[in-house]
PDB file of N, CA and C in Angstrom:
ATOM      1  N   UNK A   1     -78.032  -0.177  -4.536  1.00  0.00           N
ATOM      2  CA  UNK A   1     -77.448  -0.986  -3.471  1.00  0.00           C
ATOM      3  C   UNK A   1     -78.447  -0.995  -2.309  1.00  0.00           C
ATOM      4  N   UNK A   2     -78.772  -2.172  -1.840  1.00  0.00           N
ATOM      5  CA  UNK A   2     -79.694  -2.256  -0.711  1.00  0.00           C
ATOM      6  C   UNK A   2     -78.926  -2.142   0.611  1.00  0.00           C
ATOM      7  N   UNK A   3     -79.643  -2.090   1.715  1.00  0.00           N
ATOM      8  CA  UNK A   3     -79.029  -1.880   3.037  1.00  0.00           C
ATOM      9  C   UNK A   3     -78.052  -2.993   3.401  1.00  0.00           C
ATOM     10  N   UNK A   4     -78.402  -4.239   3.114  1.00  0.00           N
ATOM     11  CA  UNK A   4     -77.521  -5.365   3.443  1.00  0.00           C
ATOM     12  C   UNK A   4     -76.213  -5.273   2.662  1.00  0.00           C
ATOM     13  N   UNK A   5     -76.295  -4.921   1.389  1.00  0.00           N
ATOM     14  CA  UNK A   5     -75.085  -4.759   0.577  1.00  0.00           C
ATOM     15  C   UNK A   5     -74.237  -3.609   1.108  1.00  0.00           C
ATOM     16  N   UNK A   6     -74.888  -2.525   1.449  1.00  0.00           N
ATOM     17  CA  UNK A   6     -74.176  -1.356   1.975  1.00  0.00           C
ATOM     18  C   UNK A   6     -73.410  -1.728   3.246  1.00  0.00           C
ATOM     19  N   UNK A   7     -74.064  -2.445   4.138  1.00  0.00           N
ATOM     20  CA  UNK A   7     -73.415  -2.855   5.386  1.00  0.00           C
ATOM     21  C   UNK A   7     -72.245  -3.802   5.124  1.00  0.00           C
ATOM     22  N   UNK A   8     -72.389  -4.696   4.170  1.00  0.00           N
ATOM     23  CA  UNK A   8     -71.299  -5.603   3.820  1.00  0.00           C
ATOM     24  C   UNK A   8     -70.102  -4.832   3.291  1.00  0.00           C
ATOM     25  N   UNK A   9     -70.346  -3.886   2.384  1.00  0.00           N
ATOM     26  CA  UNK A   9     -69.240  -3.112   1.819  1.00  0.00           C
ATOM     27  C   UNK A   9     -68.596  -2.200   2.869  1.00  0.00           C
ATOM     28  N   UNK A  10     -69.382  -1.687   3.787  1.00  0.00           N
ATOM     29  CA  UNK A  10     -68.829  -0.891   4.881  1.00  0.00           C
ATOM     30  C   UNK A  10     -67.943  -1.759   5.779  1.00  0.00           C
ATOM     31  N   UNK A  11     -68.375  -2.984   6.064  1.00  0.00           N
ATOM     32  CA  UNK A  11     -67.571  -3.899   6.882  1.00  0.00           C
ATOM     33  C   UNK A  11     -66.264  -4.243   6.174  1.00  0.00           C
ATOM     34  N   UNK A  12     -66.342  -4.484   4.883  1.00  0.00           N
ATOM     35  CA  UNK A  12     -65.125  -4.752   4.110  1.00  0.00           C
ATOM     36  C   UNK A  12     -64.177  -3.560   4.160  1.00  0.00           C
ATOM     37  N   UNK A  13     -64.734  -2.368   4.012  1.00  0.00           N
ATOM     38  CA  UNK A  13     -63.914  -1.157   4.038  1.00  0.00           C
ATOM     39  C   UNK A  13     -63.206  -0.997   5.379  1.00  0.00           C
ATOM     40  N   UNK A  14     -63.880  -1.332   6.486  1.00  0.00           N
ATOM     41  CA  UNK A  14     -63.246  -1.221   7.807  1.00  0.00           C
ATOM     42  C   UNK A  14     -62.016  -2.139   7.889  1.00  0.00           C
ATOM     43  N   UNK A  15     -62.131  -3.330   7.351  1.00  0.00           N
ATOM     44  CA  UNK A  15     -60.996  -4.269   7.378  1.00  0.00           C
ATOM     45  C   UNK A  15     -59.861  -3.741   6.511  1.00  0.00           C
ATOM     46  N   UNK A  16     -60.200  -3.271   5.319  1.00  0.00           N
ATOM     47  CA  UNK A  16     -59.160  -2.750   4.425  1.00  0.00           C
ATOM     48  C   UNK A  16     -58.501  -1.514   5.029  1.00  0.00           C
ATOM     49  N   UNK A  17     -59.289  -0.648   5.665  1.00  0.00           N
ATOM     50  CA  UNK A  17     -58.712   0.528   6.331  1.00  0.00           C
ATOM     51  C   UNK A  17     -57.757   0.116   7.443  1.00  0.00           C
ATOM     52  N   UNK A  18     -58.100  -0.935   8.172  1.00  0.00           N
ATOM     53  CA  UNK A  18     -57.216  -1.406   9.244  1.00  0.00           C
ATOM     54  C   UNK A  18     -55.884  -1.874   8.683  1.00  0.00           C
ATOM     55  N   UNK A  19     -55.890  -2.383   7.486  1.00  0.00           N
ATOM     56  CA  UNK A  19     -54.664  -2.860   6.848  1.00  0.00           C
ATOM     57  C   UNK A  19     -53.875  -1.732   6.181  1.00  0.00           C
ATOM     58  N   UNK A  20     -54.495  -0.584   5.991  1.00  0.00           N
ATOM     59  CA  UNK A  20     -53.943   0.476   5.154  1.00  0.00           C
ATOM     60  C   UNK A  20     -52.858   1.300   5.839  1.00  0.00           C
ATOM     61  N   UNK A  21     -51.867   0.627   6.381  1.00  0.00           N
ATOM     62  CA  UNK A  21     -50.717   1.316   6.981  1.00  0.00           C
ATOM     63  C   UNK A  21     -49.514   0.382   6.876  1.00  0.00           C
ATOM     64  N   UNK A  22     -48.370   0.895   6.422  1.00  0.00           N
ATOM     65  CA  UNK A  22     -47.196   0.023   6.263  1.00  0.00           C
ATOM     66  C   UNK A  22     -46.805  -0.735   7.531  1.00  0.00           C
ATOM     67  N   UNK A  23     -46.904  -0.106   8.673  1.00  0.00           N
ATOM     68  CA  UNK A  23     -46.536  -0.781   9.923  1.00  0.00           C
ATOM     69  C   UNK A  23     -47.496  -1.923  10.224  1.00  0.00           C
ATOM     70  N   UNK A  24     -48.784  -1.698   9.994  1.00  0.00           N
ATOM     71  CA  UNK A  24     -49.741  -2.772  10.249  1.00  0.00           C
ATOM     72  C   UNK A  24     -49.558  -3.924   9.261  1.00  0.00           C
ATOM     73  N   UNK A  25     -49.220  -3.615   8.026  1.00  0.00           N
ATOM     74  CA  UNK A  25     -48.916  -4.674   7.053  1.00  0.00           C
ATOM     75  C   UNK A  25     -47.701  -5.473   7.516  1.00  0.00           C
ATOM     76  N   UNK A  26     -46.697  -4.784   8.030  1.00  0.00           N
ATOM     77  CA  UNK A  26     -45.505  -5.454   8.547  1.00  0.00           C
ATOM     78  C   UNK A  26     -45.862  -6.352   9.733  1.00  0.00           C
ATOM     79  N   UNK A  27     -46.681  -5.840  10.638  1.00  0.00           N
ATOM     80  CA  UNK A  27     -47.083  -6.621  11.810  1.00  0.00           C
ATOM     81  C   UNK A  27     -47.822  -7.883  11.385  1.00  0.00           C
ATOM     82  N   UNK A  28     -48.747  -7.752  10.456  1.00  0.00           N
ATOM     83  CA  UNK A  28     -49.485  -8.928   9.978  1.00  0.00           C
ATOM     84  C   UNK A  28     -48.510  -9.933   9.365  1.00  0.00           C
ATOM     85  N   UNK A  29     -47.567  -9.440   8.590  1.00  0.00           N
ATOM     86  CA  UNK A  29     -46.566 -10.324   7.990  1.00  0.00           C
ATOM     87  C   UNK A  29     -45.756 -11.045   9.068  1.00  0.00           C
ATOM     88  N   UNK A  30     -45.336 -10.336  10.094  1.00  0.00           N
ATOM     89  CA  UNK A  30     -44.578 -10.954  11.194  1.00  0.00           C
ATOM     90  C   UNK A  30     -45.423 -11.985  11.937  1.00  0.00           C
ATOM     91  N   UNK A  31     -46.680 -11.641  12.175  1.00  0.00           N
ATOM     92  CA  UNK A  31     -47.544 -12.563  12.907  1.00  0.00           C
ATOM     93  C   UNK A  31     -47.904 -13.798  12.077  1.00  0.00           C
ATOM     94  N   UNK A  32     -47.696 -13.724  10.770  1.00  0.00           N
ATOM     95  CA  UNK A  32     -47.939 -14.906   9.937  1.00  0.00           C
ATOM     96  C   UNK A  32     -46.882 -15.976  10.190  1.00  0.00           C
ATOM     97  N   UNK A  33     -45.745 -15.566  10.742  1.00  0.00           N
ATOM     98  CA  UNK A  33     -44.657 -16.498  11.033  1.00  0.00           C
ATOM     99  C   UNK A  33     -44.780 -17.110  12.422  1.00  0.00           C
ATOM    100  N   UNK A  34     -45.166 -16.275  13.386  1.00  0.00           N
ATOM    101  CA  UNK A  34     -45.307 -16.747  14.765  1.00  0.00           C
ATOM    102  C   UNK A  34     -45.976 -15.685  15.619  1.00  0.00           C
ATOM    103  N   UNK A  35     -46.521 -16.119  16.747  1.00  0.00           N
ATOM    104  CA  UNK A  35     -47.098 -15.182  17.712  1.00  0.00           C
ATOM    105  C   UNK A  35     -45.968 -14.347  18.303  1.00  0.00           C
ATOM    106  N   UNK A  36     -46.285 -13.113  18.591  1.00  0.00           N
ATOM    107  CA  UNK A  36     -45.272 -12.199  19.152  1.00  0.00           C
ATOM    108  C   UNK A  36     -45.900 -11.321  20.223  1.00  0.00           C
ATOM    109  N   UNK A  37     -45.075 -10.922  21.186  1.00  0.00           N
ATOM    110  CA  UNK A  37     -45.534  -9.982  22.208  1.00  0.00           C
ATOM    111  C   UNK A  37     -45.232  -8.554  21.733  1.00  0.00           C
ATOM    112  N   UNK A  38     -45.813  -7.590  22.404  1.00  0.00           N
ATOM    113  CA  UNK A  38     -45.649  -6.185  22.025  1.00  0.00           C
ATOM    114  C   UNK A  38     -44.174  -5.792  22.026  1.00  0.00           C
ATOM    115  N   UNK A  39     -43.420  -6.245  23.029  1.00  0.00           N
ATOM    116  CA  UNK A  39     -42.004  -5.868  23.100  1.00  0.00           C
ATOM    117  C   UNK A  39     -41.231  -6.364  21.888  1.00  0.00           C
ATOM    118  N   UNK A  40     -41.507  -7.589  21.452  1.00  0.00           N
ATOM    119  CA  UNK A  40     -40.840  -8.116  20.255  1.00  0.00           C
ATOM    120  C   UNK A  40     -41.194  -7.280  19.033  1.00  0.00           C
ATOM    121  N   UNK A  41     -42.481  -6.991  18.885  1.00  0.00           N
ATOM    122  CA  UNK A  41     -42.915  -6.207  17.734  1.00  0.00           C
ATOM    123  C   UNK A  41     -42.357  -4.790  17.775  1.00  0.00           C
ATOM    124  N   UNK A  42     -42.265  -4.223  18.972  1.00  0.00           N
ATOM    125  CA  UNK A  42     -41.702  -2.875  19.113  1.00  0.00           C
ATOM    126  C   UNK A  42     -40.273  -2.846  18.594  1.00  0.00           C
ATOM    127  N   UNK A  43     -39.487  -3.859  18.946  1.00  0.00           N
ATOM    128  CA  UNK A  43     -38.109  -3.936  18.458  1.00  0.00           C
ATOM    129  C   UNK A  43     -38.034  -4.113  16.953  1.00  0.00           C
ATOM    130  N   UNK A  44     -38.910  -4.930  16.413  1.00  0.00           N
ATOM    131  CA  UNK A  44     -38.911  -5.183  14.972  1.00  0.00           C
ATOM    132  C   UNK A  44     -39.377  -3.971  14.172  1.00  0.00           C
ATOM    133  N   UNK A  45     -40.398  -3.298  14.680  1.00  0.00           N
ATOM    134  CA  UNK A  45     -40.975  -2.153  13.977  1.00  0.00           C
ATOM    135  C   UNK A  45     -40.076  -0.927  14.111  1.00  0.00           C
ATOM    136  N   UNK A  46     -39.471  -0.766  15.285  1.00  0.00           N
ATOM    137  CA  UNK A  46     -38.637   0.405  15.527  1.00  0.00           C
ATOM    138  C   UNK A  46     -39.434   1.602  16.009  1.00  0.00           C
ATOM    139  N   UNK A  47     -40.591   1.359  16.586  1.00  0.00           N
ATOM    140  CA  UNK A  47     -41.423   2.418  17.155  1.00  0.00           C
ATOM    141  C   UNK A  47     -41.556   2.189  18.650  1.00  0.00           C
ATOM    142  N   UNK A  48     -42.175   3.152  19.327  1.00  0.00           N
ATOM    143  CA  UNK A  48     -42.378   2.991  20.763  1.00  0.00           C
ATOM    144  C   UNK A  48     -43.546   2.043  21.029  1.00  0.00           C
ATOM    145  N   UNK A  49     -43.613   1.547  22.243  1.00  0.00           N
ATOM    146  CA  UNK A  49     -44.613   0.556  22.634  1.00  0.00           C
ATOM    147  C   UNK A  49     -46.034   1.064  22.436  1.00  0.00           C
ATOM    148  N   UNK A  50     -46.288   2.312  22.759  1.00  0.00           N
ATOM    149  CA  UNK A  50     -47.658   2.827  22.638  1.00  0.00           C
ATOM    150  C   UNK A  50     -48.110   2.862  21.180  1.00  0.00           C
ATOM    151  N   UNK A  51     -47.200   3.174  20.276  1.00  0.00           N
ATOM    152  CA  UNK A  51     -47.543   3.203  18.853  1.00  0.00           C
ATOM    153  C   UNK A  51     -47.856   1.798  18.345  1.00  0.00           C
ATOM    154  N   UNK A  52     -47.013   0.834  18.702  1.00  0.00           N
ATOM    155  CA  UNK A  52     -47.236  -0.551  18.280  1.00  0.00           C
ATOM    156  C   UNK A  52     -48.532  -1.085  18.899  1.00  0.00           C
ATOM    157  N   UNK A  53     -48.780  -0.755  20.151  1.00  0.00           N
ATOM    158  CA  UNK A  53     -50.016  -1.177  20.809  1.00  0.00           C
ATOM    159  C   UNK A  53     -51.244  -0.617  20.093  1.00  0.00           C
ATOM    160  N   UNK A  54     -51.164   0.619  19.649  1.00  0.00           N
ATOM    161  CA  UNK A  54     -52.272   1.237  18.912  1.00  0.00           C
ATOM    162  C   UNK A  54     -52.511   0.494  17.603  1.00  0.00           C
ATOM    163  N   UNK A  55     -51.439   0.164  16.882  1.00  0.00           N
ATOM    164  CA  UNK A  55     -51.574  -0.592  15.641  1.00  0.00           C
ATOM    165  C   UNK A  55     -52.218  -1.952  15.909  1.00  0.00           C
ATOM    166  N   UNK A  56     -51.776  -2.614  16.960  1.00  0.00           N
ATOM    167  CA  UNK A  56     -52.342  -3.919  17.309  1.00  0.00           C
ATOM    168  C   UNK A  56     -53.818  -3.802  17.668  1.00  0.00           C
ATOM    169  N   UNK A  57     -54.172  -2.746  18.350  1.00  0.00           N
ATOM    170  CA  UNK A  57     -55.568  -2.513  18.718  1.00  0.00           C
ATOM    171  C   UNK A  57     -56.440  -2.351  17.471  1.00  0.00           C
ATOM    172  N   UNK A  58     -55.943  -1.619  16.498  1.00  0.00           N
ATOM    173  CA  UNK A  58     -56.689  -1.427  15.250  1.00  0.00           C
ATOM    174  C   UNK A  58     -56.877  -2.764  14.534  1.00  0.00           C
ATOM    175  N   UNK A  59     -55.808  -3.557  14.475  1.00  0.00           N
ATOM    176  CA  UNK A  59     -55.888  -4.870  13.828  1.00  0.00           C
ATOM    177  C   UNK A  59     -56.827  -5.808  14.587  1.00  0.00           C
ATOM    178  N   UNK A  60     -56.788  -5.732  15.905  1.00  0.00           N
ATOM    179  CA  UNK A  60     -57.657  -6.581  16.722  1.00  0.00           C
ATOM    180  C   UNK A  60     -59.119  -6.185  16.549  1.00  0.00           C
ATOM    181  N   UNK A  61     -59.405  -4.891  16.561  1.00  0.00           N
ATOM    182  CA  UNK A  61     -60.778  -4.411  16.401  1.00  0.00           C
ATOM    183  C   UNK A  61     -61.354  -4.771  15.031  1.00  0.00           C
ATOM    184  N   UNK A  62     -60.477  -4.930  14.053  1.00  0.00           N
ATOM    185  CA  UNK A  62     -60.922  -5.319  12.709  1.00  0.00           C
ATOM    186  C   UNK A  62     -61.101  -6.826  12.587  1.00  0.00           C
ATOM    187  N   UNK A  63     -60.717  -7.565  13.633  1.00  0.00           N
ATOM    188  CA  UNK A  63     -60.875  -9.013  13.621  1.00  0.00           C
ATOM    189  C   UNK A  63     -59.728  -9.763  12.965  1.00  0.00           C
ATOM    190  N   UNK A  64     -58.603  -9.082  12.800  1.00  0.00           N
ATOM    191  CA  UNK A  64     -57.466  -9.700  12.109  1.00  0.00           C
ATOM    192  C   UNK A  64     -56.486 -10.385  13.045  1.00  0.00           C
ATOM    193  N   UNK A  65     -56.370  -9.894  14.272  1.00  0.00           N
ATOM    194  CA  UNK A  65     -55.456 -10.510  15.240  1.00  0.00           C
ATOM    195  C   UNK A  65     -56.195 -10.802  16.545  1.00  0.00           C
ATOM    196  N   UNK A  66     -55.624 -11.709  17.297  1.00  0.00           N
ATOM    197  CA  UNK A  66     -56.150 -12.028  18.625  1.00  0.00           C
ATOM    198  C   UNK A  66     -54.991 -11.957  19.602  1.00  0.00           C
ATOM    199  N   UNK A  67     -55.319 -11.841  20.869  1.00  0.00           N
ATOM    200  CA  UNK A  67     -54.273 -11.797  21.887  1.00  0.00           C
ATOM    201  C   UNK A  67     -54.500 -12.897  22.912  1.00  0.00           C
ATOM    202  N   UNK A  68     -53.401 -13.301  23.536  1.00  0.00           N
ATOM    203  CA  UNK A  68     -53.448 -14.340  24.566  1.00  0.00           C
ATOM    204  C   UNK A  68     -52.420 -13.991  25.631  1.00  0.00           C
ATOM    205  N   UNK A  69     -52.897 -13.896  26.859  1.00  0.00           N
ATOM    206  CA  UNK A  69     -52.000 -13.570  27.966  1.00  0.00           C
ATOM    207  C   UNK A  69     -51.269 -14.835  28.412  1.00  0.00           C
ATOM    208  N   UNK A  70     -49.945 -14.735  28.484  1.00  0.00           N
ATOM    209  CA  UNK A  70     -49.098 -15.825  28.977  1.00  0.00           C
ATOM    210  C   UNK A  70     -48.191 -15.230  30.042  1.00  0.00           C
ATOM    211  N   UNK A  71     -48.508 -15.528  31.282  1.00  0.00           N
ATOM    212  CA  UNK A  71     -47.750 -14.933  32.381  1.00  0.00           C
ATOM    213  C   UNK A  71     -48.014 -13.445  32.425  1.00  0.00           C
ATOM    214  N   UNK A  72     -46.951 -12.672  32.346  1.00  0.00           N
ATOM    215  CA  UNK A  72     -47.088 -11.218  32.395  1.00  0.00           C
ATOM    216  C   UNK A  72     -47.120 -10.583  31.010  1.00  0.00           C
ATOM    217  N   UNK A  73     -46.989 -11.389  29.974  1.00  0.00           N
ATOM    218  CA  UNK A  73     -46.948 -10.849  28.617  1.00  0.00           C
ATOM    219  C   UNK A  73     -48.201 -11.224  27.838  1.00  0.00           C
ATOM    220  N   UNK A  74     -48.513 -10.388  26.866  1.00  0.00           N
ATOM    221  CA  UNK A  74     -49.624 -10.640  25.958  1.00  0.00           C
ATOM    222  C   UNK A  74     -49.034 -10.931  24.584  1.00  0.00           C
ATOM    223  N   UNK A  75     -49.400 -12.084  24.033  1.00  0.00           N
ATOM    224  CA  UNK A  75     -48.922 -12.477  22.717  1.00  0.00           C
ATOM    225  C   UNK A  75     -50.030 -12.302  21.695  1.00  0.00           C
ATOM    226  N   UNK A  76     -49.646 -11.796  20.547  1.00  0.00           N
ATOM    227  CA  UNK A  76     -50.579 -11.563  19.454  1.00  0.00           C
ATOM    228  C   UNK A  76     -50.309 -12.556  18.340  1.00  0.00           C
ATOM    229  N   UNK A  77     -51.386 -13.001  17.703  1.00  0.00           N
ATOM    230  CA  UNK A  77     -51.273 -13.901  16.562  1.00  0.00           C
ATOM    231  C   UNK A  77     -52.388 -13.573  15.579  1.00  0.00           C
ATOM    232  N   UNK A  78     -52.258 -14.092  14.370  1.00  0.00           N
ATOM    233  CA  UNK A  78     -53.305 -13.869  13.379  1.00  0.00           C
ATOM    234  C   UNK A  78     -54.554 -14.645  13.758  1.00  0.00           C
ATOM    235  N   UNK A  79     -55.654 -13.978  13.744  1.00  0.00           N
ATOM    236  CA  UNK A  79     -56.939 -14.619  14.002  1.00  0.00           C
ATOM    237  C   UNK A  79     -57.479 -15.222  12.703  1.00  0.00           C
ATOM    238  N   UNK A  80     -57.144 -14.563  11.620  1.00  0.00           N
ATOM    239  CA  UNK A  80     -57.642 -14.960  10.307  1.00  0.00           C
ATOM    240  C   UNK A  80     -56.475 -15.035   9.314  1.00  0.00           C
ATOM    241  N   UNK A  81     -55.737 -16.148   9.317  1.00  0.00           N
ATOM    242  CA  UNK A  81     -54.583 -16.266   8.411  1.00  0.00           C
ATOM    243  C   UNK A  81     -54.940 -16.121   6.931  1.00  0.00           C
ATOM    244  N   UNK A  82     -56.202 -16.265   6.582  1.00  0.00           N
ATOM    245  CA  UNK A  82     -56.590 -16.109   5.181  1.00  0.00           C
ATOM    246  C   UNK A  82     -56.295 -14.702   4.656  1.00  0.00           C
ATOM    247  N   UNK A  83     -56.050 -13.737   5.563  1.00  0.00           N
ATOM    248  CA  UNK A  83     -55.714 -12.380   5.122  1.00  0.00           C
ATOM    249  C   UNK A  83     -54.446 -12.392   4.283  1.00  0.00           C
ATOM    250  N   UNK A  84     -53.615 -13.412   4.453  1.00  0.00           N
ATOM    251  CA  UNK A  84     -52.388 -13.520   3.664  1.00  0.00           C
ATOM    252  C   UNK A  84     -52.704 -13.734   2.184  1.00  0.00           C
ATOM    253  N   UNK A  85     -53.873 -14.287   1.870  1.00  0.00           N
ATOM    254  CA  UNK A  85     -54.294 -14.400   0.474  1.00  0.00           C
ATOM    255  C   UNK A  85     -54.426 -13.014  -0.156  1.00  0.00           C
ATOM    256  N   UNK A  86     -54.847 -12.055   0.648  1.00  0.00           N
ATOM    257  CA  UNK A  86     -54.959 -10.675   0.180  1.00  0.00           C
ATOM    258  C   UNK A  86     -53.587 -10.151  -0.222  1.00  0.00           C
ATOM    259  N   UNK A  87     -52.558 -10.479   0.571  1.00  0.00           N
ATOM    260  CA  UNK A  87     -51.193 -10.055   0.237  1.00  0.00           C
ATOM    261  C   UNK A  87     -50.780 -10.605  -1.118  1.00  0.00           C
ATOM    262  N   UNK A  88     -51.107 -11.874  -1.359  1.00  0.00           N
ATOM    263  CA  UNK A  88     -50.770 -12.474  -2.648  1.00  0.00           C
ATOM    264  C   UNK A  88     -51.445 -11.750  -3.795  1.00  0.00           C
ATOM    265  N   UNK A  89     -52.680 -11.367  -3.597  1.00  0.00           N
ATOM    266  CA  UNK A  89     -53.410 -10.624  -4.611  1.00  0.00           C
ATOM    267  C   UNK A  89     -52.761  -9.256  -4.849  1.00  0.00           C
ATOM    268  N   UNK A  90     -52.385  -8.572  -3.795  1.00  0.00           N
ATOM    269  CA  UNK A  90     -51.735  -7.264  -3.922  1.00  0.00           C
ATOM    270  C   UNK A  90     -50.423  -7.409  -4.693  1.00  0.00           C
ATOM    271  N   UNK A  91     -49.657  -8.448  -4.391  1.00  0.00           N
ATOM    272  CA  UNK A  91     -48.393  -8.678  -5.105  1.00  0.00           C
ATOM    273  C   UNK A  91     -48.643  -8.906  -6.599  1.00  0.00           C
ATOM    274  N   UNK A  92     -49.713  -9.605  -6.930  1.00  0.00           N
ATOM    275  CA  UNK A  92     -50.059  -9.831  -8.336  1.00  0.00           C
ATOM    276  C   UNK A  92     -50.399  -8.508  -9.030  1.00  0.00           C
ATOM    277  N   UNK A  93     -51.144  -7.657  -8.348  1.00  0.00           N
ATOM    278  CA  UNK A  93     -51.470  -6.337  -8.900  1.00  0.00           C
ATOM    279  C   UNK A  93     -50.188  -5.541  -9.134  1.00  0.00           C
ATOM    280  N   UNK A  94     -49.270  -5.547  -8.165  1.00  0.00           N
ATOM    281  CA  UNK A  94     -48.010  -4.813  -8.310  1.00  0.00           C
ATOM    282  C   UNK A  94     -47.194  -5.334  -9.488  1.00  0.00           C
ATOM    283  N   UNK A  95     -47.111  -6.657  -9.612  1.00  0.00           N
ATOM    284  CA  UNK A  95     -46.345  -7.262 -10.712  1.00  0.00           C
ATOM    285  C   UNK A  95     -46.979  -6.923 -12.054  1.00  0.00           C
ATOM    286  N   UNK A  96     -48.282  -6.996 -12.151  1.00  0.00           N
ATOM    287  CA  UNK A  96     -48.978  -6.683 -13.395  1.00  0.00           C
ATOM    288  C   UNK A  96     -48.737  -5.229 -13.796  1.00  0.00           C
ATOM    289  N   UNK A  97     -48.833  -4.321 -12.832  1.00  0.00           N
ATOM    290  CA  UNK A  97     -48.602  -2.900 -13.109  1.00  0.00           C
ATOM    291  C   UNK A  97     -47.156  -2.667 -13.567  1.00  0.00           C
ATOM    292  N   UNK A  98     -46.204  -3.333 -12.938  1.00  0.00           N
ATOM    293  CA  UNK A  98     -44.802  -3.191 -13.329  1.00  0.00           C
ATOM    294  C   UNK A  98     -44.580  -3.733 -14.737  1.00  0.00           C
ATOM    295  N   UNK A  99     -45.177  -4.873 -15.045  1.00  0.00           N
ATOM    296  CA  UNK A  99     -45.058  -5.454 -16.387  1.00  0.00           C
ATOM    297  C   UNK A  99     -45.648  -4.522 -17.442  1.00  0.00           C
ATOM    298  N   UNK A 100     -46.791  -3.918 -17.149  1.00  0.00           N
ATOM    299  CA  UNK A 100     -47.424  -2.993 -18.084  1.00  0.00           C
ATOM    300  C   UNK A 100     -46.573  -1.751 -18.291  1.00  0.00           C
ATOM    301  N   UNK A 101     -45.955  -1.255 -17.222  1.00  0.00           N
ATOM    302  CA  UNK A 101     -45.077  -0.089 -17.332  1.00  0.00           C
ATOM    303  C   UNK A 101     -43.855  -0.404 -18.185  1.00  0.00           C
ATOM    304  N   UNK A 102     -43.264  -1.579 -17.971  1.00  0.00           N
ATOM    305  CA  UNK A 102     -42.109  -1.987 -18.775  1.00  0.00           C
ATOM    306  C   UNK A 102     -42.493  -2.100 -20.251  1.00  0.00           C
ATOM    307  N   UNK A 103     -43.676  -2.643 -20.507  1.00  0.00           N
ATOM    308  CA  UNK A 103     -44.127  -2.791 -21.885  1.00  0.00           C
ATOM    309  C   UNK A 103     -44.282  -1.423 -22.558  1.00  0.00           C
ATOM    310  N   UNK A 104     -44.796  -0.458 -21.817  1.00  0.00           N
ATOM    311  CA  UNK A 104     -44.939   0.898 -22.376  1.00  0.00           C
ATOM    312  C   UNK A 104     -43.584   1.526 -22.693  1.00  0.00           C
ATOM    313  N   UNK A 105     -42.629   1.346 -21.788  1.00  0.00           N
ATOM    314  CA  UNK A 105     -41.289   1.900 -21.988  1.00  0.00           C
ATOM    315  C   UNK A 105     -40.619   1.233 -23.193  1.00  0.00           C
ATOM    316  N   UNK A 106     -40.776  -0.061 -23.327  1.00  0.00           N
ATOM    317  CA  UNK A 106     -40.148  -0.808 -24.423  1.00  0.00           C
ATOM    318  C   UNK A 106     -40.734  -0.443 -25.782  1.00  0.00           C
ATOM    319  N   UNK A 107     -41.992   0.019 -25.808  1.00  0.00           N
ATOM    320  CA  UNK A 107     -42.622   0.437 -27.060  1.00  0.00           C
ATOM    321  C   UNK A 107     -42.057   1.763 -27.555  1.00  0.00           C
ATOM    322  N   UNK A 108     -41.608   2.576 -26.585  1.00  0.00           N
ATOM    323  CA  UNK A 108     -41.171   3.931 -26.926  1.00  0.00           C
ATOM    324  C   UNK A 108     -39.822   3.936 -27.471  1.00  0.00           C
TER     325      UNK A 108
END
């Protein structure tokens, strides 16, 4: 692996690591529907504001979400909606694994 490839794979890993938390996956899913402020997300997630803000910061630093100040509130939205394609791929992996498990059980 050359240096350019290494840097590309490291960048990919940073994005995947940013997604690697159930709360952040939930936030991305919510933001796929509409922009939301921290208070809205805090209510939906069921965590305190500082925790949700930390999750949003991680997603923002990875380039997945952007923020926009409107009055006194900051609204977050997906910067890269194509990340939802990743969700579809993950769902396919889950379905395939479940189908394979069922097939093994049915053979026994």
